[in-house]
C-alpha atoms as a PDB file:
ATOM      1  CA  MET A   1       2.642 -41.282   8.095  1.00  0.00           C
ATOM      2  CA  ASN A   2       4.379 -38.060   9.147  1.00  0.00           C
ATOM      3  CA  ASN A   3       3.125 -36.381  12.318  1.00  0.00           C
ATOM      4  CA  ILE A   4       3.181 -32.606  11.980  1.00  0.00           C
ATOM      5  CA  LEU A   5       2.679 -30.110  14.788  1.00  0.00           C
ATOM      6  CA  ILE A   6       1.623 -26.612  13.743  1.00  0.00           C
ATOM      7  CA  VAL A   7       1.740 -24.011  16.487  1.00  0.00           C
ATOM      8  CA  GLY A   8      -0.530 -21.191  15.356  1.00  0.00           C
ATOM      9  CA  CYS A   9      -3.068 -21.438  12.585  1.00  0.00           C
ATOM     10  CA  GLY A  10      -3.394 -17.859  11.411  1.00  0.00           C
ATOM     11  CA  HIS A  11      -2.506 -16.775   7.894  1.00  0.00           C
ATOM     12  CA  MET A  12       0.736 -18.746   7.567  1.00  0.00           C
ATOM     13  CA  GLY A  13      -0.261 -21.821   9.580  1.00  0.00           C
ATOM     14  CA  SER A  14      -3.607 -22.208   7.821  1.00  0.00           C
ATOM     15  CA  ALA A  15      -2.001 -21.708   4.401  1.00  0.00           C
ATOM     16  CA  LEU A  16       0.410 -24.561   5.114  1.00  0.00           C
ATOM     17  CA  LEU A  17      -2.360 -26.754   6.518  1.00  0.00           C
ATOM     18  CA  ASN A  18      -4.670 -26.147   3.550  1.00  0.00           C
ATOM     19  CA  PHE A  19      -1.881 -27.110   1.161  1.00  0.00           C
ATOM     20  CA  TRP A  20      -0.748 -30.235   3.034  1.00  0.00           C
ATOM     21  CA  ILE A  21      -4.172 -31.508   4.110  1.00  0.00           C
ATOM     22  CA  LYS A  22      -4.776 -32.917   0.628  1.00  0.00           C
ATOM     23  CA  ASN A  23      -1.932 -35.355   1.148  1.00  0.00           C
ATOM     24  CA  LYS A  24      -3.070 -38.362   3.188  1.00  0.00           C
ATOM     25  CA  LYS A  25       0.515 -39.077   4.307  1.00  0.00           C
ATOM     26  CA  TYR A  26       0.295 -36.483   7.082  1.00  0.00           C
ATOM     27  CA  LYS A  27      -1.347 -36.415  10.489  1.00  0.00           C
ATOM     28  CA  PHE A  28      -1.678 -32.960  12.050  1.00  0.00           C
ATOM     29  CA  THR A  29      -1.859 -31.508  15.518  1.00  0.00           C
ATOM     30  CA  ILE A  30      -2.780 -27.828  15.614  1.00  0.00           C
ATOM     31  CA  ILE A  31      -2.278 -25.548  18.598  1.00  0.00           C
ATOM     32  CA  ASP A  32      -4.110 -22.235  18.446  1.00  0.00           C
ATOM     33  CA  PRO A  33      -5.275 -20.464  21.623  1.00  0.00           C
ATOM     34  CA  PHE A  34      -7.628 -18.126  19.771  1.00  0.00           C
ATOM     35  CA  LYS A  35      -9.161 -20.105  16.900  1.00  0.00           C
ATOM     36  CA  HIS A  36      -9.266 -23.658  18.280  1.00  0.00           C
ATOM     37  CA  LYS A  37     -13.092 -23.859  18.397  1.00  0.00           C
ATOM     38  CA  LEU A  38     -13.458 -22.473  14.881  1.00  0.00           C
ATOM     39  CA  LEU A  39     -10.769 -24.838  13.584  1.00  0.00           C
ATOM     40  CA  LYS A  40     -12.469 -27.863  15.204  1.00  0.00           C
ATOM     41  CA  ASN A  41     -15.637 -27.040  13.289  1.00  0.00           C
ATOM     42  CA  LYS A  42     -13.804 -26.379  10.026  1.00  0.00           C
ATOM     43  CA  PHE A  43     -11.478 -29.396  10.100  1.00  0.00           C
ATOM     44  CA  ASN A  44     -13.638 -32.217  11.368  1.00  0.00           C
ATOM     45  CA  ASN A  45     -11.113 -34.797  10.200  1.00  0.00           C
ATOM     46  CA  LYS A  46      -9.597 -37.815  11.901  1.00  0.00           C
ATOM     47  CA  ASN A  47      -6.111 -36.834  10.719  1.00  0.00           C
ATOM     48  CA  ILE A  48      -6.281 -33.476  12.538  1.00  0.00           C
ATOM     49  CA  THR A  49      -6.187 -32.897  16.276  1.00  0.00           C
ATOM     50  CA  ILE A  50      -6.789 -29.345  17.488  1.00  0.00           C
ATOM     51  CA  THR A  51      -6.059 -27.926  20.925  1.00  0.00           C
ATOM     52  CA  ASN A  52      -5.727 -24.522  22.543  1.00  0.00           C
ATOM     53  CA  SER A  53      -2.482 -24.959  24.484  1.00  0.00           C
ATOM     54  CA  VAL A  54       0.963 -26.463  24.063  1.00  0.00           C
ATOM     55  CA  LYS A  55       0.569 -27.801  27.608  1.00  0.00           C
ATOM     56  CA  LYS A  56      -1.863 -30.398  26.223  1.00  0.00           C
ATOM     57  CA  ILE A  57       0.890 -31.957  24.098  1.00  0.00           C
ATOM     58  CA  ASN A  58       2.363 -34.875  26.013  1.00  0.00           C
ATOM     59  CA  ILE A  59       5.511 -35.781  24.110  1.00  0.00           C
ATOM     60  CA  ILE A  60       7.064 -33.461  21.548  1.00  0.00           C
ATOM     61  CA  LYS A  61       9.197 -36.336  20.227  1.00  0.00           C
ATOM     62  CA  ASP A  62       6.031 -37.836  18.689  1.00  0.00           C
ATOM     63  CA  PHE A  63       6.217 -35.263  15.895  1.00  0.00           C
ATOM     64  CA  ASP A  64       8.360 -35.571  12.794  1.00  0.00           C
ATOM     65  CA  ILE A  65       7.958 -31.881  11.914  1.00  0.00           C
ATOM     66  CA  VAL A  66       7.210 -28.888  14.168  1.00  0.00           C
ATOM     67  CA  ILE A  67       6.167 -25.607  12.574  1.00  0.00           C
ATOM     68  CA  ILE A  68       6.035 -22.416  14.627  1.00  0.00           C
ATOM     69  CA  ALA A  69       3.626 -20.113  12.801  1.00  0.00           C
ATOM     70  CA  VAL A  70       2.894 -17.442  15.393  1.00  0.00           C
ATOM     71  CA  THR A  71       3.817 -13.815  15.720  1.00  0.00           C
ATOM     72  CA  PRO A  72       6.162 -12.969  18.600  1.00  0.00           C
ATOM     73  CA  GLN A  73       3.446 -11.304  20.692  1.00  0.00           C
ATOM     74  CA  VAL A  74       1.307 -14.467  20.528  1.00  0.00           C
ATOM     75  CA  ALA A  75       4.116 -16.940  21.210  1.00  0.00           C
ATOM     76  CA  GLU A  76       3.918 -16.498  24.981  1.00  0.00           C
ATOM     77  CA  LYS A  77       0.172 -17.281  25.028  1.00  0.00           C
ATOM     78  CA  THR A  78       0.527 -20.691  23.358  1.00  0.00           C
END
């Protein structure tokens, strides 16, 4: 199973997630400082972990793929 980290789940991040979520080969961690509560309600799935800060990620090496899907002005807040 591939572990995927998506930083930002706005238009681009959510489009990627919605496409890949159908494939059971992936496990996702989503970081979104603004939408994390909404995303937790929407994606109540054991293959998806959602948090509001990159500081809550212990080891970045745990991920096979890291996708940065934030605009530059939001990057500092994650």
